[in-house]
Amino acid sequence: MSRPARHGADHLLRLPVAGTAVARLALGRRSGQWTVPIGAQAGRVIKIGKLPVNLLLGAYYNIVKLQYGADWQLRSQVVLIF
């Protein structure tokens, strides 16, 4: 009996490309298949009162994916800087 593919990654490689565009490669844990998303992200540090906050938003299209993997990925991040 075969095991279902997991969507986590044991190995992740991030390659910065011109500005904030990022190419990411992820290898599936047991399947040995690659997920290859390509996309862009943008971030900015703003101040809320006196507190700096780092905001990031990105979107990636998976040009290579697992059999039941998602077509798109969205990434958002909010970091409070103390």
Protein backbone atom coordinates (compact mmCIF):
# COMPACT_ATOMS: atom_id res chain seq x y z
CA MET A 1 0.00 0.00 0.00
CA SER A 2 1.40 3.42 -0.90
CA ARG A 3 1.43 6.30 1.56
CA PRO A 4 -0.25 9.61 0.74
CA ALA A 5 2.09 12.48 -0.09
CA ARG A 6 2.74 14.99 2.65
CA HIS A 7 2.76 18.66 1.84
CA GLY A 8 5.54 19.61 4.27
CA ALA A 9 9.09 20.03 3.11
CA ASP A 10 12.31 18.58 4.44
CA HIS A 11 14.41 20.80 2.19
CA LEU A 12 13.65 24.37 1.23
CA LEU A 13 15.74 26.59 -1.04
CA ARG A 14 14.96 30.31 -1.40
CA LEU A 15 16.57 32.23 -4.22
CA PRO A 16 16.15 36.03 -4.19
CA VAL A 17 15.55 37.33 -7.70
CA ALA A 18 15.54 41.05 -8.65
CA GLY A 19 14.01 43.09 -5.86
CA THR A 20 11.46 41.18 -3.81
CA ALA A 21 10.72 38.38 -6.29
CA VAL A 22 11.62 35.01 -4.80
CA ALA A 23 11.92 31.54 -6.31
CA ARG A 24 11.35 28.76 -3.77
CA LEU A 25 11.92 25.04 -4.21
CA ALA A 26 10.57 22.46 -1.76
CA LEU A 27 11.16 18.69 -1.77
CA GLY A 28 8.31 16.50 -0.48
CA ARG A 29 9.15 14.43 2.62
CA ARG A 30 8.42 10.93 1.40
CA SER A 31 7.41 11.27 -2.22
CA GLY A 32 10.68 12.77 -3.50
CA GLN A 33 8.62 15.14 -5.67
CA TRP A 34 9.35 18.85 -5.92
CA THR A 35 7.05 21.79 -5.39
CA VAL A 36 8.32 24.77 -7.39
CA PRO A 37 6.47 28.01 -6.67
CA ILE A 38 7.36 31.22 -8.45
CA GLY A 39 5.97 34.59 -7.49
CA ALA A 40 6.61 37.86 -5.76
CA GLN A 41 6.26 39.42 -2.37
CA ALA A 42 6.35 42.96 -1.08
CA GLY A 43 7.04 44.18 2.41
CA ARG A 44 7.19 47.43 4.28
CA VAL A 45 7.98 48.61 7.78
CA ILE A 46 5.39 51.03 9.16
CA LYS A 47 4.92 52.64 12.57
CA ILE A 48 1.77 52.25 14.62
CA GLY A 49 2.26 54.87 17.28
CA LYS A 50 5.90 54.36 18.32
CA LEU A 51 5.88 50.62 17.52
CA PRO A 52 7.51 49.58 14.21
CA VAL A 53 5.59 46.83 12.40
CA ASN A 54 6.94 44.79 9.47
CA LEU A 55 4.20 43.85 6.95
CA LEU A 56 4.65 41.38 4.09
CA LEU A 57 2.30 40.06 1.41
CA GLY A 58 3.20 37.58 -1.33
CA ALA A 59 1.61 35.38 -3.98
CA TYR A 60 3.15 32.34 -5.67
CA TYR A 61 2.04 30.09 -8.51
CA ASN A 62 3.17 26.46 -8.23
CA ILE A 63 4.65 25.64 -11.63
CA VAL A 64 5.51 22.12 -10.39
CA LYS A 65 3.44 20.56 -7.59
CA LEU A 66 2.47 17.33 -5.91
CA GLN A 67 -0.43 15.37 -7.38
CA TYR A 68 -2.99 16.97 -5.04
CA GLY A 69 -1.06 20.16 -4.35
CA ALA A 70 -2.43 23.68 -4.55
CA ASP A 71 -2.12 25.77 -7.71
CA TRP A 72 -1.48 29.01 -5.79
CA GLN A 73 0.02 30.06 -2.45
CA LEU A 74 -0.65 33.28 -0.62
CA ARG A 75 1.67 34.44 2.15
CA SER A 76 1.12 37.19 4.67
CA GLN A 77 3.21 38.19 7.64
CA VAL A 78 2.93 40.75 10.44
CA VAL A 79 5.93 41.20 12.75
CA LEU A 80 5.92 43.51 15.75
CA ILE A 81 9.41 44.94 16.24
CA PHE A 82 10.23 45.69 19.90
